[in-house]
C-alpha atoms as a PDB file:
ATOM      1  CA  MET A   1    -169.629 -79.356  26.160  1.00  0.00           C
ATOM      2  CA  ASP A   2    -166.950 -79.526  23.435  1.00  0.00           C
ATOM      3  CA  MET A   3    -163.640 -81.066  24.404  1.00  0.00           C
ATOM      4  CA  ILE A   4    -160.887 -83.295  23.097  1.00  0.00           C
ATOM      5  CA  HIS A   5    -159.042 -86.190  24.740  1.00  0.00           C
ATOM      6  CA  VAL A   6    -155.260 -85.945  24.627  1.00  0.00           C
ATOM      7  CA  ARG A   7    -152.921 -88.914  25.185  1.00  0.00           C
ATOM      8  CA  MET A   8    -149.232 -88.194  25.594  1.00  0.00           C
ATOM      9  CA  VAL A   9    -146.004 -90.083  26.163  1.00  0.00           C
ATOM     10  CA  SER A  10    -143.392 -87.930  27.857  1.00  0.00           C
ATOM     11  CA  PRO A  11    -139.700 -88.580  28.572  1.00  0.00           C
ATOM     12  CA  PRO A  12    -139.230 -88.707  32.386  1.00  0.00           C
ATOM     13  CA  ASP A  13    -137.077 -85.566  32.411  1.00  0.00           C
ATOM     14  CA  LEU A  14    -139.863 -83.610  30.698  1.00  0.00           C
ATOM     15  CA  THR A  15    -142.847 -84.945  32.652  1.00  0.00           C
ATOM     16  CA  ASP A  16    -142.779 -82.483  35.559  1.00  0.00           C
ATOM     17  CA  ARG A  17    -142.742 -79.562  33.141  1.00  0.00           C
ATOM     18  CA  ILE A  18    -145.643 -81.007  31.155  1.00  0.00           C
ATOM     19  CA  VAL A  19    -147.710 -81.738  34.247  1.00  0.00           C
ATOM     20  CA  ALA A  20    -147.115 -78.250  35.645  1.00  0.00           C
ATOM     21  CA  LEU A  21    -148.184 -76.752  32.310  1.00  0.00           C
ATOM     22  CA  LEU A  22    -151.391 -78.798  32.175  1.00  0.00           C
ATOM     23  CA  ALA A  23    -152.318 -78.609  35.867  1.00  0.00           C
ATOM     24  CA  GLY A  24    -152.104 -74.833  35.829  1.00  0.00           C
ATOM     25  CA  ASP A  25    -154.658 -74.483  33.025  1.00  0.00           C
ATOM     26  CA  PRO A  26    -158.340 -74.418  34.161  1.00  0.00           C
ATOM     27  CA  SER A  27    -159.390 -75.659  30.720  1.00  0.00           C
ATOM     28  CA  VAL A  28    -157.547 -78.968  31.292  1.00  0.00           C
ATOM     29  CA  LEU A  29    -159.630 -81.634  33.044  1.00  0.00           C
ATOM     30  CA  ASN A  30    -159.197 -85.232  34.211  1.00  0.00           C
ATOM     31  CA  LEU A  31    -155.408 -85.080  34.229  1.00  0.00           C
ATOM     32  CA  ILE A  32    -153.848 -88.500  34.878  1.00  0.00           C
ATOM     33  CA  VAL A  33    -150.128 -89.268  35.097  1.00  0.00           C
ATOM     34  CA  GLN A  34    -148.711 -92.815  35.043  1.00  0.00           C
ATOM     35  CA  PRO A  35    -144.913 -92.807  35.476  1.00  0.00           C
ATOM     36  CA  GLY A  36    -143.106 -95.375  33.348  1.00  0.00           C
ATOM     37  CA  ALA A  37    -146.323 -96.866  31.964  1.00  0.00           C
ATOM     38  CA  ALA A  38    -145.726 -96.167  28.271  1.00  0.00           C
ATOM     39  CA  ARG A  39    -143.889 -98.335  25.757  1.00  0.00           C
ATOM     40  CA  ASN A  40    -142.827 -97.590  22.171  1.00  0.00           C
ATOM     41  CA  PRO A  41    -141.901 -94.873  22.855  1.00  0.00           C
ATOM     42  CA  ASP A  42    -140.937 -95.544  26.437  1.00  0.00           C
ATOM     43  CA  GLY A  43    -141.796 -92.921  29.008  1.00  0.00           C
ATOM     44  CA  ASP A  44    -144.507 -91.608  31.265  1.00  0.00           C
ATOM     45  CA  ALA A  45    -148.139 -91.825  30.153  1.00  0.00           C
ATOM     46  CA  ILE A  46    -150.146 -88.620  30.539  1.00  0.00           C
ATOM     47  CA  VAL A  47    -153.793 -88.277  29.599  1.00  0.00           C
ATOM     48  CA  CYS A  48    -156.214 -85.401  29.993  1.00  0.00           C
ATOM     49  CA  ASP A  49    -159.278 -83.754  28.505  1.00  0.00           C
ATOM     50  CA  VAL A  50    -159.047 -80.219  27.138  1.00  0.00           C
ATOM     51  CA  LEU A  51    -161.894 -77.840  26.392  1.00  0.00           C
ATOM     52  CA  THR A  52    -161.911 -77.316  22.639  1.00  0.00           C
ATOM     53  CA  GLY A  53    -161.626 -73.550  22.870  1.00  0.00           C
ATOM     54  CA  ALA A  54    -158.333 -73.835  24.769  1.00  0.00           C
ATOM     55  CA  ALA A  55    -156.933 -76.762  22.775  1.00  0.00           C
ATOM     56  CA  ASN A  56    -154.939 -74.632  20.317  1.00  0.00           C
ATOM     57  CA  ASP A  57    -153.044 -72.900  23.130  1.00  0.00           C
ATOM     58  CA  VAL A  58    -152.471 -76.145  25.034  1.00  0.00           C
ATOM     59  CA  LEU A  59    -151.203 -78.014  21.974  1.00  0.00           C
ATOM     60  CA  ARG A  60    -149.015 -75.080  21.007  1.00  0.00           C
ATOM     61  CA  ALA A  61    -147.466 -75.102  24.488  1.00  0.00           C
ATOM     62  CA  LEU A  62    -146.844 -78.857  24.296  1.00  0.00           C
ATOM     63  CA  ARG A  63    -145.135 -78.499  20.957  1.00  0.00           C
ATOM     64  CA  ALA A  64    -143.113 -75.548  22.242  1.00  0.00           C
ATOM     65  CA  VAL A  65    -141.405 -77.897  24.732  1.00  0.00           C
ATOM     66  CA  HIS A  66    -140.878 -80.404  21.866  1.00  0.00           C
ATOM     67  CA  LEU A  67    -143.108 -83.116  23.294  1.00  0.00           C
ATOM     68  CA  ASP A  68    -144.193 -83.993  19.743  1.00  0.00           C
ATOM     69  CA  ARG A  69    -140.545 -84.780  18.887  1.00  0.00           C
ATOM     70  CA  GLN A  70    -139.280 -86.314  22.134  1.00  0.00           C
ATOM     71  CA  GLY A  71    -142.479 -88.248  22.907  1.00  0.00           C
ATOM     72  CA  SER A  72    -145.870 -88.347  21.262  1.00  0.00           C
ATOM     73  CA  ILE A  73    -149.225 -86.570  21.272  1.00  0.00           C
ATOM     74  CA  VAL A  74    -152.477 -88.227  20.205  1.00  0.00           C
ATOM     75  CA  ILE A  75    -155.738 -86.289  19.922  1.00  0.00           C
ATOM     76  CA  GLU A  76    -159.165 -87.928  20.033  1.00  0.00           C
ATOM     77  CA  PRO A  77    -162.612 -86.318  19.846  1.00  0.00           C
ATOM     78  CA  VAL A  78    -164.920 -86.650  22.835  1.00  0.00           C
ATOM     79  CA  ASP A  79    -168.463 -87.450  21.728  1.00  0.00           C
ATOM     80  CA  MET A  80    -170.061 -87.238  25.167  1.00  0.00           C
ATOM     81  CA  ALA A  81    -168.878 -86.202  28.621  1.00  0.00           C
ATOM     82  CA  PHE A  82    -170.456 -85.638  32.036  1.00  0.00           C
ATOM     83  CA  VAL A  83    -168.351 -83.142  33.941  1.00  0.00           C
ATOM     84  CA  GLY A  84    -168.720 -80.983  37.007  1.00  0.00           C
ATOM     85  CA  GLY A  85    -168.602 -77.287  37.701  1.00  0.00           C
ATOM     86  CA  GLY A  86    -164.900 -77.002  36.938  1.00  0.00           C
ATOM     87  CA  ALA A  87    -165.526 -77.523  33.249  1.00  0.00           C
ATOM     88  CA  GLU A  88    -168.352 -75.007  33.237  1.00  0.00           C
ATOM     89  CA  ALA A  89    -166.091 -72.441  34.877  1.00  0.00           C
ATOM     90  CA  GLY A  90    -163.403 -73.109  32.284  1.00  0.00           C
ATOM     91  CA  GLU A  91    -165.879 -72.780  29.425  1.00  0.00           C
ATOM     92  CA  SER A  92    -167.251 -69.562  30.871  1.00  0.00           C
ATOM     93  CA  ARG A  93    -163.713 -68.211  31.071  1.00  0.00           C
ATOM     94  CA  LEU A  94    -163.180 -68.977  27.393  1.00  0.00           C
ATOM     95  CA  GLY A  95    -166.271 -67.098  26.226  1.00  0.00           C
ATOM     96  CA  ALA A  96    -166.594 -67.106  22.420  1.00  0.00           C
ATOM     97  CA  LEU A  97    -163.369 -69.137  22.181  1.00  0.00           C
ATOM     98  CA  ALA A  98    -165.270 -72.163  23.499  1.00  0.00           C
ATOM     99  CA  HIS A  99    -166.337 -72.841  19.911  1.00  0.00           C
ATOM    100  CA  ALA A 100    -162.957 -72.277  18.247  1.00  0.00           C
ATOM    101  CA  PRO A 101    -161.744 -75.048  15.923  1.00  0.00           C
ATOM    102  CA  VAL A 102    -158.728 -77.148  16.864  1.00  0.00           C
ATOM    103  CA  TRP A 103    -156.382 -76.312  14.019  1.00  0.00           C
ATOM    104  CA  GLU A 104    -154.167 -79.369  14.400  1.00  0.00           C
ATOM    105  CA  GLU A 105    -157.295 -81.506  14.046  1.00  0.00           C
ATOM    106  CA  VAL A 106    -158.518 -79.513  11.029  1.00  0.00           C
ATOM    107  CA  GLU A 107    -155.170 -79.836   9.279  1.00  0.00           C
ATOM    108  CA  ALA A 108    -155.025 -83.560  10.049  1.00  0.00           C
ATOM    109  CA  ARG A 109    -158.489 -83.923   8.510  1.00  0.00           C
ATOM    110  CA  ILE A 110    -157.361 -82.116   5.352  1.00  0.00           C
ATOM    111  CA  ARG A 111    -154.132 -84.113   5.151  1.00  0.00           C
ATOM    112  CA  ALA A 112    -156.147 -87.339   5.431  1.00  0.00           C
ATOM    113  CA  GLN A 113    -158.186 -86.289   2.395  1.00  0.00           C
ATOM    114  CA  GLY A 114    -155.031 -85.349   0.514  1.00  0.00           C
ATOM    115  CA  THR A 115    -153.781 -88.910   0.110  1.00  0.00           C
ATOM    116  CA  TYR A 116    -153.400 -90.309  -3.380  1.00  0.00           C
ATOM    117  CA  ALA A 117    -153.657 -94.073  -3.240  1.00  0.00           C
ATOM    118  CA  PRO A 118    -154.602 -95.970  -6.445  1.00  0.00           C
ATOM    119  CA  SER A 119    -158.232 -95.755  -5.317  1.00  0.00           C
ATOM    120  CA  PHE A 120    -158.089 -91.951  -5.710  1.00  0.00           C
ATOM    121  CA  TYR A 121    -157.477 -92.344  -9.443  1.00  0.00           C
ATOM    122  CA  LEU A 122    -159.973 -95.203  -9.712  1.00  0.00           C
ATOM    123  CA  TYR A 123    -162.713 -93.046  -8.179  1.00  0.00           C
ATOM    124  CA  LEU A 124    -161.919 -90.243 -10.633  1.00  0.00           C
ATOM    125  CA  VAL A 125    -162.104 -92.608 -13.614  1.00  0.00           C
ATOM    126  CA  VAL A 126    -165.363 -94.179 -12.436  1.00  0.00           C
ATOM    127  CA  ALA A 127    -166.853 -90.752 -11.719  1.00  0.00           C
ATOM    128  CA  GLY A 128    -165.907 -89.653 -15.248  1.00  0.00           C
ATOM    129  CA  LEU A 129    -167.580 -92.716 -16.762  1.00  0.00           C
ATOM    130  CA  ILE A 130    -170.763 -92.113 -14.761  1.00  0.00           C
ATOM    131  CA  GLY A 131    -170.674 -88.469 -15.869  1.00  0.00           C
ATOM    132  CA  ALA A 132    -170.365 -89.550 -19.499  1.00  0.00           C
ATOM    133  CA  VAL A 133    -173.476 -91.711 -19.216  1.00  0.00           C
ATOM    134  CA  GLY A 134    -175.301 -88.789 -17.652  1.00  0.00           C
ATOM    135  CA  ILE A 135    -174.290 -86.513 -20.527  1.00  0.00           C
ATOM    136  CA  VAL A 136    -175.220 -88.830 -23.419  1.00  0.00           C
ATOM    137  CA  THR A 137    -178.536 -89.724 -21.766  1.00  0.00           C
ATOM    138  CA  ASN A 138    -179.271 -86.149 -20.603  1.00  0.00           C
ATOM    139  CA  SER A 139    -179.615 -87.430 -17.025  1.00  0.00           C
ATOM    140  CA  GLN A 140    -178.937 -84.780 -14.388  1.00  0.00           C
ATOM    141  CA  ILE A 141    -179.274 -87.415 -11.660  1.00  0.00           C
ATOM    142  CA  LEU A 142    -176.245 -89.291 -13.007  1.00  0.00           C
ATOM    143  CA  ILE A 143    -174.286 -86.035 -13.185  1.00  0.00           C
ATOM    144  CA  VAL A 144    -174.976 -85.501  -9.478  1.00  0.00           C
ATOM    145  CA  ALA A 145    -173.920 -89.094  -8.799  1.00  0.00           C
ATOM    146  CA  ALA A 146    -170.633 -88.476 -10.624  1.00  0.00           C
ATOM    147  CA  MET A 147    -170.026 -85.355  -8.511  1.00  0.00           C
ATOM    148  CA  VAL A 148    -170.513 -87.331  -5.300  1.00  0.00           C
ATOM    149  CA  VAL A 149    -168.185 -90.162  -6.387  1.00  0.00           C
ATOM    150  CA  GLY A 150    -165.353 -87.840  -7.422  1.00  0.00           C
ATOM    151  CA  PRO A 151    -162.598 -87.475  -4.746  1.00  0.00           C
ATOM    152  CA  GLU A 152    -160.904 -84.434  -6.282  1.00  0.00           C
ATOM    153  CA  TYR A 153    -161.985 -81.972  -3.589  1.00  0.00           C
ATOM    154  CA  GLY A 154    -159.641 -83.652  -1.112  1.00  0.00           C
ATOM    155  CA  ALA A 155    -156.676 -82.870  -3.382  1.00  0.00           C
ATOM    156  CA  ILE A 156    -157.926 -79.318  -3.930  1.00  0.00           C
ATOM    157  CA  VAL A 157    -158.113 -78.492  -0.213  1.00  0.00           C
ATOM    158  CA  ALA A 158    -154.745 -80.192   0.346  1.00  0.00           C
ATOM    159  CA  VAL A 159    -153.228 -77.793  -2.211  1.00  0.00           C
ATOM    160  CA  ALA A 160    -154.961 -74.885  -0.443  1.00  0.00           C
ATOM    161  CA  LEU A 161    -153.468 -75.997   2.877  1.00  0.00           C
ATOM    162  CA  GLY A 162    -150.059 -76.322   1.224  1.00  0.00           C
ATOM    163  CA  ILE A 163    -150.274 -72.749  -0.086  1.00  0.00           C
ATOM    164  CA  ASP A 164    -151.409 -71.500   3.322  1.00  0.00           C
ATOM    165  CA  GLN A 165    -148.453 -73.203   5.024  1.00  0.00           C
ATOM    166  CA  HIS A 166    -145.941 -72.552   2.212  1.00  0.00           C
ATOM    167  CA  ASP A 167    -145.514 -76.319   1.862  1.00  0.00           C
ATOM    168  CA  ARG A 168    -144.229 -76.786  -1.701  1.00  0.00           C
ATOM    169  CA  ARG A 169    -144.174 -80.557  -1.406  1.00  0.00           C
ATOM    170  CA  ARG A 170    -147.877 -80.705  -0.541  1.00  0.00           C
ATOM    171  CA  ILE A 171    -148.733 -78.273  -3.335  1.00  0.00           C
ATOM    172  CA  ARG A 172    -146.728 -80.265  -5.861  1.00  0.00           C
ATOM    173  CA  GLN A 173    -148.251 -83.583  -4.782  1.00  0.00           C
ATOM    174  CA  GLY A 174    -151.802 -82.228  -4.895  1.00  0.00           C
ATOM    175  CA  LEU A 175    -151.452 -80.583  -8.304  1.00  0.00           C
ATOM    176  CA  SER A 176    -149.731 -83.672  -9.726  1.00  0.00           C
ATOM    177  CA  ALA A 177    -152.530 -85.899  -8.428  1.00  0.00           C
ATOM    178  CA  LEU A 178    -155.163 -83.588  -9.931  1.00  0.00           C
ATOM    179  CA  CYS A 179    -153.425 -83.436 -13.318  1.00  0.00           C
ATOM    180  CA  LEU A 180    -152.784 -87.166 -13.533  1.00  0.00           C
ATOM    181  CA  GLY A 181    -156.198 -88.079 -12.149  1.00  0.00           C
ATOM    182  CA  PHE A 182    -158.142 -85.883 -14.551  1.00  0.00           C
ATOM    183  CA  LEU A 183    -156.009 -86.971 -17.505  1.00  0.00           C
ATOM    184  CA  LEU A 184    -156.744 -90.614 -16.671  1.00  0.00           C
ATOM    185  CA  ALA A 185    -160.451 -89.850 -16.217  1.00  0.00           C
ATOM    186  CA  ILE A 186    -160.625 -87.961 -19.528  1.00  0.00           C
ATOM    187  CA  ALA A 187    -158.709 -90.674 -21.408  1.00  0.00           C
ATOM    188  CA  ALA A 188    -160.864 -93.517 -20.043  1.00  0.00           C
ATOM    189  CA  THR A 189    -164.051 -91.532 -20.650  1.00  0.00           C
ATOM    190  CA  LEU A 190    -162.964 -90.707 -24.203  1.00  0.00           C
ATOM    191  CA  VAL A 191    -162.538 -94.404 -25.003  1.00  0.00           C
ATOM    192  CA  PHE A 192    -165.890 -95.149 -23.364  1.00  0.00           C
ATOM    193  CA  SER A 193    -167.573 -92.345 -25.316  1.00  0.00           C
ATOM    194  CA  LEU A 194    -166.128 -93.563 -28.600  1.00  0.00           C
ATOM    195  CA  LEU A 195    -167.602 -96.984 -27.886  1.00  0.00           C
ATOM    196  CA  ILE A 196    -170.968 -95.385 -27.118  1.00  0.00           C
ATOM    197  CA  ARG A 197    -170.851 -93.487 -30.403  1.00  0.00           C
ATOM    198  CA  GLY A 198    -169.644 -96.524 -32.351  1.00  0.00           C
ATOM    199  CA  PHE A 199    -172.476 -98.732 -31.108  1.00  0.00           C
ATOM    200  CA  GLY A 200    -175.074 -95.940 -31.196  1.00  0.00           C
ATOM    201  CA  PHE A 201    -175.898 -96.168 -27.495  1.00  0.00           C
ATOM    202  CA  GLU A 202    -176.404 -92.410 -27.035  1.00  0.00           C
ATOM    203  CA  SER A 203    -179.954 -91.180 -26.542  1.00  0.00           C
ATOM    204  CA  GLU A 204    -181.978 -90.101 -29.570  1.00  0.00           C
ATOM    205  CA  ALA A 205    -182.213 -86.562 -28.211  1.00  0.00           C
ATOM    206  CA  PHE A 206    -178.439 -86.366 -27.813  1.00  0.00           C
ATOM    207  CA  ARG A 207    -177.949 -87.700 -31.342  1.00  0.00           C
ATOM    208  CA  ARG A 208    -180.231 -84.963 -32.713  1.00  0.00           C
ATOM    209  CA  GLY A 209    -178.236 -82.278 -30.876  1.00  0.00           C
ATOM    210  CA  VAL A 210    -180.557 -81.792 -27.913  1.00  0.00           C
ATOM    211  CA  ARG A 211    -177.937 -81.718 -25.167  1.00  0.00           C
ATOM    212  CA  PRO A 212    -179.142 -79.626 -22.207  1.00  0.00           C
ATOM    213  CA  VAL A 213    -176.771 -81.288 -19.720  1.00  0.00           C
ATOM    214  CA  SER A 214    -173.708 -80.794 -21.901  1.00  0.00           C
ATOM    215  CA  GLU A 215    -174.673 -77.193 -22.689  1.00  0.00           C
ATOM    216  CA  LEU A 216    -175.038 -76.453 -18.986  1.00  0.00           C
ATOM    217  CA  ILE A 217    -171.510 -77.751 -18.351  1.00  0.00           C
ATOM    218  CA  ASP A 218    -169.616 -76.300 -21.331  1.00  0.00           C
ATOM    219  CA  THR A 219    -170.702 -72.669 -20.964  1.00  0.00           C
ATOM    220  CA  PRO A 220    -168.673 -71.150 -18.114  1.00  0.00           C
ATOM    221  CA  ASP A 221    -169.935 -67.735 -17.045  1.00  0.00           C
ATOM    222  CA  PHE A 222    -170.149 -65.450 -14.015  1.00  0.00           C
ATOM    223  CA  PHE A 223    -172.191 -68.028 -12.130  1.00  0.00           C
ATOM    224  CA  SER A 224    -169.434 -70.606 -12.578  1.00  0.00           C
ATOM    225  CA  PHE A 225    -167.097 -68.327 -10.618  1.00  0.00           C
ATOM    226  CA  ALA A 226    -169.792 -67.502  -8.064  1.00  0.00           C
ATOM    227  CA  VAL A 227    -170.792 -71.104  -7.339  1.00  0.00           C
ATOM    228  CA  ALA A 228    -167.182 -72.292  -7.177  1.00  0.00           C
ATOM    229  CA  GLY A 229    -166.310 -69.443  -4.810  1.00  0.00           C
ATOM    230  CA  LEU A 230    -169.259 -70.079  -2.509  1.00  0.00           C
ATOM    231  CA  ALA A 231    -168.599 -73.817  -2.550  1.00  0.00           C
ATOM    232  CA  GLY A 232    -164.955 -73.142  -1.663  1.00  0.00           C
ATOM    233  CA  VAL A 233    -165.980 -71.143   1.408  1.00  0.00           C
ATOM    234  CA  VAL A 234    -168.514 -73.727   2.571  1.00  0.00           C
ATOM    235  CA  GLY A 235    -166.083 -76.581   1.922  1.00  0.00           C
ATOM    236  CA  ILE A 236    -163.363 -75.158   4.182  1.00  0.00           C
ATOM    237  CA  VAL A 237    -165.830 -74.170   6.902  1.00  0.00           C
ATOM    238  CA  SER A 238    -167.424 -77.632   6.842  1.00  0.00           C
ATOM    239  CA  LEU A 239    -163.996 -79.247   7.166  1.00  0.00           C
ATOM    240  CA  THR A 240    -163.195 -76.879  10.023  1.00  0.00           C
ATOM    241  CA  GLU A 241    -166.378 -77.829  11.855  1.00  0.00           C
ATOM    242  CA  ALA A 242    -166.449 -81.484  10.679  1.00  0.00           C
ATOM    243  CA  ARG A 243    -169.898 -81.080   9.084  1.00  0.00           C
ATOM    244  CA  THR A 244    -170.102 -83.882   6.540  1.00  0.00           C
ATOM    245  CA  SER A 245    -173.591 -82.928   5.341  1.00  0.00           C
ATOM    246  CA  ALA A 246    -172.380 -79.497   4.238  1.00  0.00           C
ATOM    247  CA  LEU A 247    -169.308 -81.038   2.626  1.00  0.00           C
ATOM    248  CA  LEU A 248    -171.537 -83.348   0.579  1.00  0.00           C
ATOM    249  CA  GLY A 249    -173.318 -80.252  -0.691  1.00  0.00           C
ATOM    250  CA  VAL A 250    -169.977 -78.913  -1.872  1.00  0.00           C
ATOM    251  CA  PHE A 251    -169.324 -82.112  -3.847  1.00  0.00           C
ATOM    252  CA  ILE A 252    -172.553 -81.666  -5.809  1.00  0.00           C
ATOM    253  CA  SER A 253    -172.060 -77.927  -6.362  1.00  0.00           C
ATOM    254  CA  VAL A 254    -168.796 -77.741  -8.273  1.00  0.00           C
ATOM    255  CA  THR A 255    -168.504 -78.699 -11.938  1.00  0.00           C
ATOM    256  CA  THR A 256    -165.182 -80.522 -12.008  1.00  0.00           C
ATOM    257  CA  ILE A 257    -165.959 -84.170 -12.788  1.00  0.00           C
ATOM    258  CA  PRO A 258    -168.856 -83.265 -15.133  1.00  0.00           C
ATOM    259  CA  ALA A 259    -166.551 -80.883 -17.011  1.00  0.00           C
ATOM    260  CA  ALA A 260    -163.853 -83.558 -17.367  1.00  0.00           C
ATOM    261  CA  ALA A 261    -166.462 -86.035 -18.604  1.00  0.00           C
ATOM    262  CA  ASP A 262    -167.861 -83.523 -21.080  1.00  0.00           C
ATOM    263  CA  ILE A 263    -164.389 -82.835 -22.505  1.00  0.00           C
ATOM    264  CA  ALA A 264    -164.138 -86.520 -23.406  1.00  0.00           C
ATOM    265  CA  VAL A 265    -167.722 -86.909 -24.641  1.00  0.00           C
ATOM    266  CA  SER A 266    -167.539 -83.743 -26.754  1.00  0.00           C
ATOM    267  CA  ALA A 267    -164.231 -84.844 -28.270  1.00  0.00           C
ATOM    268  CA  ALA A 268    -165.665 -88.280 -29.066  1.00  0.00           C
ATOM    269  CA  PHE A 269    -168.618 -86.676 -30.860  1.00  0.00           C
ATOM    270  CA  ALA A 270    -166.389 -84.018 -32.532  1.00  0.00           C
ATOM    271  CA  SER A 271    -168.061 -81.138 -30.661  1.00  0.00           C
ATOM    272  CA  TRP A 272    -164.855 -79.148 -30.255  1.00  0.00           C
ATOM    273  CA  ARG A 273    -166.496 -75.944 -29.074  1.00  0.00           C
ATOM    274  CA  SER A 274    -168.139 -77.864 -26.229  1.00  0.00           C
ATOM    275  CA  ALA A 275    -164.865 -79.596 -25.376  1.00  0.00           C
ATOM    276  CA  TRP A 276    -163.074 -76.243 -25.133  1.00  0.00           C
ATOM    277  CA  GLY A 277    -165.851 -74.752 -23.003  1.00  0.00           C
ATOM    278  CA  SER A 278    -165.746 -77.736 -20.637  1.00  0.00           C
ATOM    279  CA  LEU A 279    -161.964 -77.414 -20.317  1.00  0.00           C
ATOM    280  CA  LEU A 280    -162.406 -73.777 -19.292  1.00  0.00           C
ATOM    281  CA  GLN A 281    -165.122 -74.830 -16.840  1.00  0.00           C
ATOM    282  CA  LEU A 282    -162.793 -77.402 -15.275  1.00  0.00           C
ATOM    283  CA  LEU A 283    -159.917 -74.935 -14.921  1.00  0.00           C
ATOM    284  CA  VAL A 284    -162.169 -72.201 -13.515  1.00  0.00           C
ATOM    285  CA  ASN A 285    -163.546 -74.499 -10.833  1.00  0.00           C
ATOM    286  CA  ILE A 286    -160.153 -75.854  -9.741  1.00  0.00           C
ATOM    287  CA  VAL A 287    -158.432 -72.454  -9.660  1.00  0.00           C
ATOM    288  CA  VAL A 288    -161.287 -70.711  -7.834  1.00  0.00           C
ATOM    289  CA  LEU A 289    -161.668 -73.537  -5.287  1.00  0.00           C
ATOM    290  CA  ILE A 290    -157.945 -73.471  -4.479  1.00  0.00           C
ATOM    291  CA  ALA A 291    -157.798 -69.673  -4.240  1.00  0.00           C
ATOM    292  CA  VAL A 292    -160.956 -69.335  -2.141  1.00  0.00           C
ATOM    293  CA  GLY A 293    -159.975 -72.297   0.044  1.00  0.00           C
ATOM    294  CA  THR A 294    -156.610 -70.726   0.827  1.00  0.00           C
ATOM    295  CA  GLY A 295    -158.181 -67.366   1.589  1.00  0.00           C
ATOM    296  CA  THR A 296    -160.885 -68.890   3.794  1.00  0.00           C
ATOM    297  CA  LEU A 297    -158.329 -70.860   5.829  1.00  0.00           C
ATOM    298  CA  ARG A 298    -156.280 -67.724   6.465  1.00  0.00           C
ATOM    299  CA  LEU A 299    -159.325 -65.611   7.233  1.00  0.00           C
ATOM    300  CA  GLN A 300    -160.656 -68.121   9.750  1.00  0.00           C
ATOM    301  CA  ARG A 301    -157.298 -68.293  11.520  1.00  0.00           C
ATOM    302  CA  ASP A 302    -157.086 -64.503  11.655  1.00  0.00           C
ATOM    303  CA  VAL A 303    -160.625 -64.156  12.996  1.00  0.00           C
ATOM    304  CA  TRP A 304    -160.124 -66.712  15.771  1.00  0.00           C
ATOM    305  CA  ARG A 305    -156.718 -65.235  16.607  1.00  0.00           C
ATOM    306  CA  ARG A 306    -158.357 -61.841  17.110  1.00  0.00           C
ATOM    307  CA  VAL A 307    -161.121 -63.391  19.207  1.00  0.00           C
ATOM    308  CA  GLY A 308    -158.440 -65.011  21.382  1.00  0.00           C
ATOM    309  CA  ARG A 309    -156.542 -61.756  21.869  1.00  0.00           C
ATOM    310  CA  ARG A 310    -159.728 -59.889  22.724  1.00  0.00           C
ATOM    311  CA  ARG A 311    -160.720 -62.570  25.226  1.00  0.00           C
ATOM    312  CA  ALA A 312    -157.264 -62.488  26.798  1.00  0.00           C
ATOM    313  CA  ARG A 313    -157.570 -58.729  27.308  1.00  0.00           C
ATOM    314  CA  GLU A 314    -161.018 -59.142  28.858  1.00  0.00           C
ATOM    315  CA  VAL A 315    -159.825 -61.845  31.266  1.00  0.00           C
ATOM    316  CA  GLY A 316    -156.717 -59.850  32.184  1.00  0.00           C
ATOM    317  CA  ALA A 317    -158.672 -56.644  32.803  1.00  0.00           C
END
């Protein structure tokens, strides 16, 4: 049974209203109130478990009375719970909504990925260097490794969330991190590639112009749009449902880091046509992922909103 654990600190003058709100909802279980027990902020401690399908409405009601501003709300996942018939009745009442995502949790997950500490840029640079080795040695395994190391998808979905919420600050931060990160990755990889060329470390096949990995990256076509679009859908859905295995598949589906690496490698070896093609590949992937991610977020919200309205009509009938 899917549920979340909610810990709250409420000002004493708001506690009765909060408790009445929670106690009257059959989807709220294990409600505990401890007057004056909380410190920093000071207030009454309230804890409860909420069936996941009802969590959006419950959290919206808590925020409507400004508990998030006057006190605090902390959400934790519940990995396992043994509950009685009350929970089953509440889940039955929810119907299809029992499997609805908790949007506050989804957005928090995306915001956590959209942080740009120095390690974000370090990962991008390292991923670019690994990609360069994969290109000059014609190793597809190393290209996949570079895709997995690259953290850029977190910034991409953060931009998508910013567009969805009309948050210009988040959009600006995400795009700035992507631009700076890829510029650093390309610059470091260019220097690395020049050293490879100078010392003759590239593979014999690459030296003779046999470059299947590079040619796969620097020729954007219809399938580039298709794969990026499909990966964008799966990426948002996997974040919504917290499915890390599917998200890993997204990382190794989109040609962002390999394209950045190929820009640098192609420039180092004076293959300007390949460098231009890789630049187009990089831009196509980023733009399509942002656009599809934004659309998928909005579509999911609309679908679950309609499911909720339909269920409310059924229960009220």
